[in-house]
């Protein structure tokens, strides 16, 4: 291997901030999912004292499932929106 073709792996390293910045520049579904996740977790933790007769573990599981479901839903809607735009509006074929 010649020294000209050697590429340092550090040139391909991306920080978490740069990855998030790339996702923010694209469709807004990932940042919306992250914000909704944070909002659901914050409201769940706020309501922790007034959970009633529920056990804490059940309350935390419900909060986790709700937040995770919203993130998956936002990503699904985003992928469907990208598919509709590419396939129907721009006439591209994915197959």
N, C-alpha and C. Protein backbone atom coordinates (compact mmCIF):
# COMPACT_ATOMS: atom_id res chain seq x y z
N UNK A 1 0.84 -1.16 0.00
CA UNK A 1 0.00 0.00 0.00
C UNK A 1 0.90 1.23 0.00
N UNK A 2 0.58 2.16 -0.84
CA UNK A 2 1.40 3.37 -0.89
C UNK A 2 0.96 4.34 0.19
N UNK A 3 1.83 5.25 0.51
CA UNK A 3 1.52 6.20 1.57
C UNK A 3 0.46 7.21 1.13
N UNK A 4 0.24 7.36 -0.19
CA UNK A 4 -0.77 8.30 -0.67
C UNK A 4 -2.19 7.79 -0.43
N UNK A 5 -2.36 6.47 -0.40
CA UNK A 5 -3.69 5.92 -0.22
C UNK A 5 -4.05 5.73 1.25
N UNK A 6 -3.09 5.92 2.17
CA UNK A 6 -3.38 5.79 3.58
C UNK A 6 -4.19 6.99 4.05
N UNK A 7 -5.32 6.69 4.64
CA UNK A 7 -6.19 7.74 5.14
C UNK A 7 -6.36 7.52 6.62
N UNK A 8 -6.17 8.56 7.36
CA UNK A 8 -6.33 8.48 8.80
C UNK A 8 -7.81 8.32 9.14
N UNK A 9 -8.09 7.46 10.11
CA UNK A 9 -9.47 7.28 10.53
C UNK A 9 -10.01 8.51 11.24
N UNK A 10 -9.13 9.36 11.74
CA UNK A 10 -9.60 10.55 12.44
C UNK A 10 -10.32 11.53 11.51
N UNK A 11 -10.07 11.43 10.19
CA UNK A 11 -10.77 12.31 9.26
C UNK A 11 -12.23 11.92 9.14
N UNK A 12 -12.58 10.69 9.48
CA UNK A 12 -13.95 10.22 9.38
C UNK A 12 -14.70 10.27 10.70
N UNK A 13 -14.02 10.63 11.76
CA UNK A 13 -14.67 10.70 13.06
C UNK A 13 -15.65 11.88 13.08
N UNK A 14 -16.83 11.60 13.58
CA UNK A 14 -17.82 12.65 13.73
C UNK A 14 -18.24 12.70 15.19
N UNK A 15 -18.35 13.89 15.68
CA UNK A 15 -18.80 14.03 17.05
C UNK A 15 -20.32 13.93 17.10
N UNK A 16 -20.84 13.77 18.30
CA UNK A 16 -22.29 13.68 18.47
C UNK A 16 -22.96 14.97 18.03
N UNK A 17 -22.32 16.09 18.29
CA UNK A 17 -22.89 17.38 17.89
C UNK A 17 -23.00 17.54 16.39
N UNK A 18 -21.99 17.06 15.64
CA UNK A 18 -22.04 17.19 14.19
C UNK A 18 -23.08 16.25 13.59
N UNK A 19 -23.27 15.07 14.20
CA UNK A 19 -24.30 14.15 13.71
C UNK A 19 -25.68 14.74 13.95
N UNK A 20 -25.88 15.34 15.11
CA UNK A 20 -27.17 15.96 15.41
C UNK A 20 -27.42 17.17 14.51
N UNK A 21 -26.37 17.92 14.20
CA UNK A 21 -26.52 19.07 13.32
C UNK A 21 -26.94 18.64 11.91
N UNK A 22 -26.43 17.50 11.44
CA UNK A 22 -26.83 16.99 10.13
C UNK A 22 -28.29 16.57 10.14
N UNK A 23 -28.76 16.00 11.23
CA UNK A 23 -30.15 15.58 11.31
C UNK A 23 -31.09 16.78 11.42
N UNK A 24 -30.65 17.86 12.04
CA UNK A 24 -31.48 19.05 12.17
C UNK A 24 -31.64 19.74 10.82
N UNK A 25 -30.61 19.70 9.97
CA UNK A 25 -30.68 20.35 8.66
C UNK A 25 -31.64 19.63 7.72
N UNK A 26 -31.86 18.35 7.92
CA UNK A 26 -32.75 17.58 7.05
C UNK A 26 -34.18 17.72 7.51
N UNK A 27 -34.98 16.69 7.23
CA UNK A 27 -36.37 16.71 7.69
C UNK A 27 -36.43 16.80 9.21
N UNK A 28 -37.43 17.49 9.74
CA UNK A 28 -37.44 17.79 11.19
C UNK A 28 -37.97 16.66 12.06
N UNK A 29 -38.13 15.47 11.55
CA UNK A 29 -38.80 14.42 12.32
C UNK A 29 -37.95 13.88 13.46
N UNK A 30 -36.65 13.77 13.27
CA UNK A 30 -35.79 13.28 14.36
C UNK A 30 -35.72 14.29 15.51
N UNK A 31 -35.49 15.57 15.24
CA UNK A 31 -35.51 16.54 16.36
C UNK A 31 -36.87 16.63 17.04
N UNK A 32 -37.96 16.49 16.28
CA UNK A 32 -39.29 16.49 16.89
C UNK A 32 -39.44 15.28 17.80
N UNK A 33 -38.96 14.13 17.35
CA UNK A 33 -39.02 12.92 18.18
C UNK A 33 -38.21 13.06 19.45
N UNK A 34 -37.02 13.65 19.35
CA UNK A 34 -36.17 13.85 20.53
C UNK A 34 -36.83 14.83 21.50
N UNK A 35 -37.39 15.91 20.97
CA UNK A 35 -38.05 16.90 21.83
C UNK A 35 -39.28 16.30 22.51
N UNK A 36 -40.04 15.51 21.77
CA UNK A 36 -41.22 14.87 22.36
C UNK A 36 -40.82 13.85 23.42
N UNK A 37 -39.75 13.11 23.17
CA UNK A 37 -39.24 12.16 24.15
C UNK A 37 -38.89 12.88 25.44
N UNK A 38 -38.16 13.99 25.32
CA UNK A 38 -37.77 14.76 26.51
C UNK A 38 -38.99 15.33 27.22
N UNK A 39 -39.99 15.80 26.46
CA UNK A 39 -41.20 16.36 27.08
C UNK A 39 -42.00 15.29 27.81
N UNK A 40 -42.13 14.11 27.22
CA UNK A 40 -42.89 13.04 27.86
C UNK A 40 -42.20 12.56 29.12
N UNK A 41 -40.87 12.43 29.05
CA UNK A 41 -40.12 12.01 30.24
C UNK A 41 -40.22 13.07 31.34
N UNK A 42 -40.10 14.34 30.97
CA UNK A 42 -40.19 15.41 31.97
C UNK A 42 -41.57 15.44 32.62
N UNK A 43 -42.62 15.31 31.81
CA UNK A 43 -43.96 15.33 32.40
C UNK A 43 -44.22 14.08 33.24
N UNK A 44 -43.67 12.95 32.84
CA UNK A 44 -43.81 11.73 33.63
C UNK A 44 -43.12 11.83 34.97
N UNK A 45 -41.93 12.43 34.96
CA UNK A 45 -41.22 12.62 36.23
C UNK A 45 -41.92 13.64 37.11
N UNK A 46 -42.53 14.65 36.49
CA UNK A 46 -43.27 15.65 37.25
C UNK A 46 -44.51 15.04 37.92
N UNK A 47 -45.16 14.11 37.21
CA UNK A 47 -46.37 13.47 37.72
C UNK A 47 -46.06 12.27 38.61
N UNK A 48 -44.82 12.05 38.92
CA UNK A 48 -44.43 10.87 39.69
C UNK A 48 -45.07 10.86 41.07
N UNK A 49 -45.20 12.01 41.69
CA UNK A 49 -45.78 12.09 43.04
C UNK A 49 -47.28 11.79 43.04
N UNK A 50 -47.96 12.14 41.96
CA UNK A 50 -49.42 11.96 41.92
C UNK A 50 -49.81 10.77 41.05
N UNK A 51 -49.07 9.68 41.15
CA UNK A 51 -49.34 8.51 40.31
C UNK A 51 -50.48 7.67 40.84
N UNK A 52 -50.98 7.96 42.03
CA UNK A 52 -52.11 7.23 42.60
C UNK A 52 -51.69 5.89 43.15
N UNK A 53 -52.45 4.85 42.83
CA UNK A 53 -52.18 3.52 43.34
C UNK A 53 -51.18 2.73 42.51
N UNK A 54 -50.73 3.30 41.41
CA UNK A 54 -49.77 2.59 40.55
C UNK A 54 -48.42 2.46 41.24
N UNK A 55 -47.77 1.33 41.00
CA UNK A 55 -46.41 1.17 41.49
C UNK A 55 -45.49 2.06 40.67
N UNK A 56 -44.36 2.40 41.24
CA UNK A 56 -43.42 3.27 40.53
C UNK A 56 -42.91 2.59 39.26
N UNK A 57 -42.65 1.29 39.33
CA UNK A 57 -42.14 0.59 38.15
C UNK A 57 -43.15 0.62 37.01
N UNK A 58 -44.43 0.47 37.31
CA UNK A 58 -45.46 0.51 36.28
C UNK A 58 -45.55 1.91 35.68
N UNK A 59 -45.46 2.92 36.52
CA UNK A 59 -45.48 4.31 36.03
C UNK A 59 -44.29 4.57 35.11
N UNK A 60 -43.11 4.13 35.50
CA UNK A 60 -41.92 4.36 34.67
C UNK A 60 -41.98 3.58 33.36
N UNK A 61 -42.53 2.37 33.41
CA UNK A 61 -42.67 1.59 32.18
C UNK A 61 -43.66 2.26 31.24
N UNK A 62 -44.78 2.74 31.76
CA UNK A 62 -45.76 3.45 30.93
C UNK A 62 -45.14 4.69 30.30
N UNK A 63 -44.37 5.43 31.09
CA UNK A 63 -43.71 6.63 30.58
C UNK A 63 -42.71 6.26 29.48
N UNK A 64 -41.95 5.21 29.70
CA UNK A 64 -40.94 4.77 28.72
C UNK A 64 -41.60 4.33 27.42
N UNK A 65 -42.66 3.54 27.52
CA UNK A 65 -43.35 3.06 26.32
C UNK A 65 -43.98 4.22 25.55
N UNK A 66 -44.56 5.17 26.25
CA UNK A 66 -45.14 6.33 25.58
C UNK A 66 -44.09 7.16 24.85
N UNK A 67 -42.98 7.42 25.51
CA UNK A 67 -41.93 8.23 24.90
C UNK A 67 -41.31 7.49 23.71
N UNK A 68 -41.04 6.22 23.88
CA UNK A 68 -40.44 5.45 22.80
C UNK A 68 -41.40 5.31 21.62
N UNK A 69 -42.68 5.13 21.91
CA UNK A 69 -43.67 5.05 20.84
C UNK A 69 -43.77 6.33 20.05
N UNK A 70 -43.67 7.46 20.73
CA UNK A 70 -43.73 8.73 20.00
C UNK A 70 -42.52 8.90 19.10
N UNK A 71 -41.34 8.50 19.55
CA UNK A 71 -40.13 8.62 18.73
C UNK A 71 -40.24 7.70 17.51
N UNK A 72 -40.66 6.47 17.71
CA UNK A 72 -40.81 5.55 16.58
C UNK A 72 -41.88 6.06 15.62
N UNK A 73 -42.96 6.59 16.14
CA UNK A 73 -43.99 7.16 15.29
C UNK A 73 -43.49 8.34 14.48
N UNK A 74 -42.72 9.21 15.09
CA UNK A 74 -42.17 10.36 14.36
C UNK A 74 -41.22 9.91 13.26
N UNK A 75 -40.41 8.90 13.54
CA UNK A 75 -39.49 8.40 12.52
C UNK A 75 -40.25 7.70 11.39
N UNK A 76 -41.34 6.99 11.72
CA UNK A 76 -42.14 6.33 10.70
C UNK A 76 -42.82 7.34 9.80
N UNK A 77 -43.40 8.38 10.39
CA UNK A 77 -44.02 9.43 9.60
C UNK A 77 -42.98 10.11 8.72
N UNK A 78 -41.78 10.33 9.24
CA UNK A 78 -40.72 10.95 8.45
C UNK A 78 -40.30 10.09 7.27
N UNK A 79 -40.15 8.80 7.49
CA UNK A 79 -39.77 7.91 6.39
C UNK A 79 -40.88 7.83 5.35
N UNK A 80 -42.12 7.79 5.80
CA UNK A 80 -43.25 7.77 4.86
C UNK A 80 -43.30 9.07 4.05
N UNK A 81 -43.06 10.20 4.70
CA UNK A 81 -43.08 11.48 4.00
C UNK A 81 -41.97 11.55 2.96
N UNK A 82 -40.77 11.06 3.30
CA UNK A 82 -39.67 11.05 2.34
C UNK A 82 -39.99 10.13 1.18
N UNK A 83 -40.59 8.97 1.45
CA UNK A 83 -40.99 8.05 0.40
C UNK A 83 -42.00 8.68 -0.54
N UNK A 84 -43.01 9.35 0.02
CA UNK A 84 -44.03 9.97 -0.81
C UNK A 84 -43.42 11.05 -1.69
N UNK A 85 -42.55 11.87 -1.13
CA UNK A 85 -41.93 12.94 -1.91
C UNK A 85 -41.06 12.36 -3.02
N UNK A 86 -40.23 11.38 -2.71
CA UNK A 86 -39.34 10.81 -3.72
C UNK A 86 -40.10 10.02 -4.78
N UNK A 87 -41.03 9.20 -4.36
CA UNK A 87 -41.68 8.27 -5.28
C UNK A 87 -42.75 8.94 -6.12
N UNK A 88 -43.61 9.73 -5.49
CA UNK A 88 -44.73 10.30 -6.21
C UNK A 88 -44.44 11.69 -6.79
N UNK A 89 -43.78 12.52 -6.04
CA UNK A 89 -43.59 13.89 -6.51
C UNK A 89 -42.38 14.06 -7.42
N UNK A 90 -41.30 13.34 -7.12
CA UNK A 90 -40.10 13.45 -7.95
C UNK A 90 -39.99 12.34 -8.98
N UNK A 91 -40.82 11.32 -8.90
CA UNK A 91 -40.84 10.26 -9.89
C UNK A 91 -39.69 9.28 -9.81
N UNK A 92 -39.02 9.19 -8.68
CA UNK A 92 -37.91 8.26 -8.53
C UNK A 92 -38.44 6.88 -8.19
N UNK A 93 -37.69 5.87 -8.57
CA UNK A 93 -38.06 4.50 -8.23
C UNK A 93 -37.10 3.98 -7.17
N UNK A 94 -37.62 3.33 -6.18
CA UNK A 94 -36.80 2.76 -5.12
C UNK A 94 -36.47 1.30 -5.38
N UNK A 95 -36.98 0.74 -6.46
CA UNK A 95 -36.78 -0.69 -6.70
C UNK A 95 -35.85 -0.92 -7.86
